Amino acid sequence: MGTDISGFVECRAWHLHKEDEDWRAAIDLFFLNTTRNYDAFGCLFGVRNYANFRPLAADRGLPAGASETVRAELERLAQWYGPDQAYGTTWITWAEIKEVDWDEPAEKADSRLHEYRQTPDGLRLTGKAAWSPRFAQAVGLQPGEDREWPEGTEWLIGDTLYRSEKIRRRDAVPATGEWKSVWTVMEALAAQHGDDNVRLVVWFDN
């Protein structure tokens, strides 16, 4: 069963009238990015963190002053599907996103071996796998055996190269990838209301 992300970009307009100082839901994440990208989930929020990043904002829970829209959506999910339907609830501000070092590598090698095929243009990444029967047989792993391999270790088995690698944050969240539209909206709101007054609230479900 796969894991999906949901959430809202929230904003508060401090420079307006007193009644406008509460956090409000600006846009549903559904309209910006619903891609199931576990490397991004792990890098940003520590969910499905197979790549072994130091998460930027993991398990913070519901932020203080969460908008009525966010609270109502989480209550609806709990009533319809049970209290454990949504998990990993957390949040991150635009101010924090601006300070991210996207060249920072994961803390250790990916839990999945990266698989490459030789093409006329060189090696091409074809996938990542925590378990490959072909690889396991070649190196003598028992079914279900989990082992960490030093970064850079590689094996050529038939026409497939298996390699243990670390990836960087920008590999998980490319500047031109599926998160670009989220960052664009947050940046535009922050230009009007301040970097600390724009945040992304997310949760996950299987």
Protein backbone atom coordinates (compact mmCIF):
# COMPACT_ATOMS: atom_id res chain seq x y z
CA MET A 1 0.00 0.00 0.00
CA GLY A 2 1.36 3.39 -0.98
CA THR A 3 1.55 6.62 0.99
CA ASP A 4 -0.02 9.89 -0.15
CA ILE A 5 0.41 13.46 1.05
CA SER A 6 -2.31 16.04 1.76
CA GLY A 7 -2.31 19.49 3.26
CA PHE A 8 -2.70 23.23 2.83
CA VAL A 9 -0.56 26.31 2.41
CA GLU A 10 -1.56 28.66 5.22
CA CYS A 11 -1.00 32.39 5.59
CA ARG A 12 -1.59 35.13 8.14
CA ALA A 13 -1.74 38.80 7.16
CA TRP A 14 -0.29 40.67 10.12
CA HIS A 15 -0.39 44.05 8.43
CA LEU A 16 -4.18 43.98 8.02
CA HIS A 17 -6.86 44.44 10.66
CA LYS A 18 -6.73 42.61 14.00
CA GLU A 19 -9.35 40.07 12.91
CA ASP A 20 -7.10 39.05 10.01
CA GLU A 21 -4.17 37.99 12.20
CA ASP A 22 -5.32 34.36 12.40
CA TRP A 23 -3.87 31.72 10.11
CA ARG A 24 -6.00 31.00 7.06
CA ALA A 25 -5.84 28.25 4.47
CA ALA A 26 -4.64 29.84 1.24
CA ILE A 27 -4.68 26.82 -1.11
CA ASP A 28 -5.18 23.07 -0.91
CA LEU A 29 -1.99 21.11 -1.69
CA PHE A 30 -4.18 18.98 -3.98
CA PHE A 31 -4.05 21.78 -6.57
CA LEU A 32 -0.26 22.08 -6.46
CA ASN A 33 1.33 18.69 -5.86
CA THR A 34 -0.04 15.23 -5.07
CA THR A 35 2.91 13.29 -6.47
CA ARG A 36 3.87 10.18 -4.51
CA ASN A 37 7.61 10.84 -4.18
CA TYR A 38 9.07 9.05 -1.17
CA ASP A 39 12.48 10.69 -1.49
CA ALA A 40 10.79 14.09 -1.14
CA PHE A 41 8.57 12.88 1.71
CA GLY A 42 11.65 11.65 3.58
CA CYS A 43 13.80 14.69 2.85
CA LEU A 44 11.14 17.19 3.90
CA PHE A 45 9.05 15.41 6.51
CA GLY A 46 10.74 12.13 7.52
CA VAL A 47 7.99 9.90 6.06
CA ARG A 48 9.08 6.87 3.99
CA ASN A 49 12.64 8.08 4.53
CA TYR A 50 14.39 5.26 2.67
CA ALA A 51 17.06 7.69 1.47
CA ASN A 52 18.06 8.38 5.11
CA PHE A 53 17.88 12.17 5.15
CA ARG A 54 17.89 14.35 8.23
CA PRO A 55 14.27 15.48 7.83
CA LEU A 56 13.64 19.21 7.68
CA ALA A 57 10.35 19.13 9.60
CA ALA A 58 9.29 15.73 10.94
CA ASP A 59 6.49 14.98 13.43
CA ARG A 60 5.87 18.53 14.57
CA GLY A 61 2.16 17.86 14.88
CA LEU A 62 -0.56 20.39 14.15
CA PRO A 63 0.86 23.94 14.33
CA ALA A 64 -0.38 26.49 16.83
CA GLY A 65 -3.33 28.43 15.50
CA ALA A 66 -3.97 26.03 12.62
CA SER A 67 -6.63 27.37 10.27
CA GLU A 68 -10.25 26.31 10.61
CA THR A 69 -9.97 24.66 7.19
CA VAL A 70 -7.07 22.43 8.24
CA ARG A 71 -8.66 21.46 11.56
CA ALA A 72 -12.00 20.71 9.88
CA GLU A 73 -10.36 18.50 7.25
CA LEU A 74 -8.46 16.47 9.85
CA GLU A 75 -11.62 16.10 11.94
CA ARG A 76 -13.53 14.94 8.87
CA LEU A 77 -10.92 12.28 8.12
CA ALA A 78 -10.99 11.07 11.72
CA GLN A 79 -14.79 10.79 11.71
CA TRP A 80 -15.02 9.04 8.34
CA TYR A 81 -12.00 6.76 8.43
CA GLY A 82 -10.85 6.64 12.05
CA PRO A 83 -8.36 8.61 14.16
CA ASP A 84 -5.34 6.88 12.61
CA GLN A 85 -6.22 7.67 8.99
CA ALA A 86 -3.98 10.75 8.87
CA TYR A 87 -0.51 10.53 10.40
CA GLY A 88 2.84 12.32 10.29
CA THR A 89 1.12 15.69 10.64
CA THR A 90 3.71 18.45 10.51
CA TRP A 91 4.45 21.91 9.12
CA ILE A 92 7.23 24.11 7.78
CA THR A 93 7.45 27.86 7.14
CA TRP A 94 8.66 29.60 4.03
CA ALA A 95 11.42 31.16 6.15
CA GLU A 96 12.72 27.64 6.86
CA ILE A 97 12.45 26.55 3.24
CA LYS A 98 14.51 29.56 2.16
CA GLU A 99 17.37 28.47 4.44
CA VAL A 100 17.61 24.88 3.16
CA ASP A 101 20.98 23.74 1.83
CA TRP A 102 19.77 21.71 -1.13
CA ASP A 103 23.28 20.33 -1.66
CA GLU A 104 23.23 18.62 1.75
CA PRO A 105 23.58 14.84 1.36
CA ALA A 106 21.60 12.20 3.21
CA GLU A 107 23.08 11.07 6.52
CA LYS A 108 23.98 7.65 5.13
CA ALA A 109 23.61 5.60 1.97
CA ASP A 110 20.15 4.94 0.58
CA SER A 111 18.46 1.86 2.03
CA ARG A 112 17.67 0.90 -1.57
CA LEU A 113 20.31 -0.07 -4.09
CA HIS A 114 20.24 2.09 -7.22
CA GLU A 115 19.94 0.07 -10.41
CA TYR A 116 21.47 1.20 -13.72
CA ARG A 117 21.46 -0.12 -17.28
CA GLN A 118 24.12 0.56 -19.86
CA THR A 119 22.83 2.57 -22.84
CA PRO A 120 24.57 4.19 -25.83
CA ASP A 121 24.49 7.43 -23.82
CA GLY A 122 25.98 5.86 -20.69
CA LEU A 123 24.47 4.47 -17.53
CA ARG A 124 20.75 5.13 -17.03
CA LEU A 125 19.03 4.86 -13.65
CA THR A 126 16.19 2.38 -13.98
CA GLY A 127 15.04 2.10 -10.38
CA LYS A 128 15.77 1.69 -6.70
CA ALA A 129 14.99 -1.42 -4.71
CA ALA A 130 15.37 -2.50 -1.11
CA TRP A 131 15.16 -6.12 -2.28
CA SER A 132 16.03 -7.69 -5.63
CA PRO A 133 15.89 -11.50 -5.98
CA ARG A 134 18.48 -11.35 -8.75
CA PHE A 135 20.90 -9.31 -6.65
CA ALA A 136 20.26 -11.37 -3.52
CA GLN A 137 21.05 -14.60 -5.32
CA ALA A 138 24.24 -13.16 -6.82
CA VAL A 139 25.66 -11.95 -3.49
CA GLY A 140 24.26 -14.68 -1.25
CA LEU A 141 21.59 -12.80 0.69
CA GLN A 142 18.88 -14.82 2.39
CA PRO A 143 15.20 -13.94 1.72
CA GLY A 144 14.29 -10.90 3.76
CA GLU A 145 17.87 -10.28 4.93
CA ASP A 146 18.57 -6.59 5.35
CA ARG A 147 22.14 -5.34 5.03
CA GLU A 148 23.79 -1.93 4.80
CA TRP A 149 26.41 -1.45 2.10
CA PRO A 150 29.16 1.20 2.19
CA GLU A 151 28.52 4.17 -0.07
CA GLY A 152 30.03 3.61 -3.51
CA THR A 153 29.91 -0.20 -3.35
CA GLU A 154 28.73 -1.57 -6.69
CA TRP A 155 28.12 -4.85 -8.46
CA LEU A 156 27.70 -5.55 -12.17
CA ILE A 157 25.29 -8.46 -12.54
CA GLY A 158 24.44 -9.27 -16.13
CA ASP A 159 23.47 -5.98 -17.77
CA THR A 160 22.49 -4.30 -14.50
CA LEU A 161 24.79 -2.24 -12.28
CA TYR A 162 23.75 -2.14 -8.63
CA ARG A 163 25.25 0.71 -6.59
CA SER A 164 25.00 1.92 -2.99
CA GLU A 165 24.61 5.71 -3.08
CA LYS A 166 23.84 8.77 -1.02
CA ILE A 167 21.58 11.35 -2.62
CA ARG A 168 21.37 15.10 -1.98
CA ARG A 169 18.33 17.10 -1.04
CA ARG A 170 18.14 18.55 -4.55
CA ASP A 171 17.99 15.01 -5.94
CA ALA A 172 14.92 14.34 -3.80
CA VAL A 173 13.34 17.77 -4.35
CA PRO A 174 14.59 19.10 -7.71
CA ALA A 175 14.32 22.83 -8.28
CA THR A 176 12.20 22.24 -11.39
CA GLY A 177 10.32 19.22 -10.02
CA GLU A 178 6.83 18.70 -8.64
CA TRP A 179 7.45 20.91 -5.57
CA LYS A 180 8.24 23.98 -7.67
CA SER A 181 4.59 25.10 -7.79
CA VAL A 182 4.29 24.80 -4.00
CA TRP A 183 7.39 26.92 -3.44
CA THR A 184 6.20 29.47 -6.01
CA VAL A 185 2.89 29.98 -4.21
CA MET A 186 4.56 30.21 -0.80
CA GLU A 187 7.14 32.68 -2.10
CA ALA A 188 4.45 34.90 -3.63
CA LEU A 189 2.46 34.97 -0.38
CA ALA A 190 5.60 35.62 1.66
CA ALA A 191 6.46 38.61 -0.52
CA GLN A 192 3.21 40.18 0.66
CA HIS A 193 2.95 38.94 4.24
CA GLY A 194 6.43 37.92 5.42
CA ASP A 195 8.44 34.69 5.37
CA ASP A 196 7.35 33.61 8.85
CA ASN A 197 3.69 34.19 8.03
CA VAL A 198 3.47 31.53 5.33
CA ARG A 199 3.64 27.83 6.10
CA LEU A 200 2.83 24.44 4.64
CA VAL A 201 0.82 22.04 6.83
CA VAL A 202 0.80 18.41 5.69
CA TRP A 203 -0.26 14.92 6.75
CA PHE A 204 -0.08 11.46 5.20
CA ASP A 205 -2.30 8.44 4.66
CA ASN A 206 -1.92 4.94 3.25
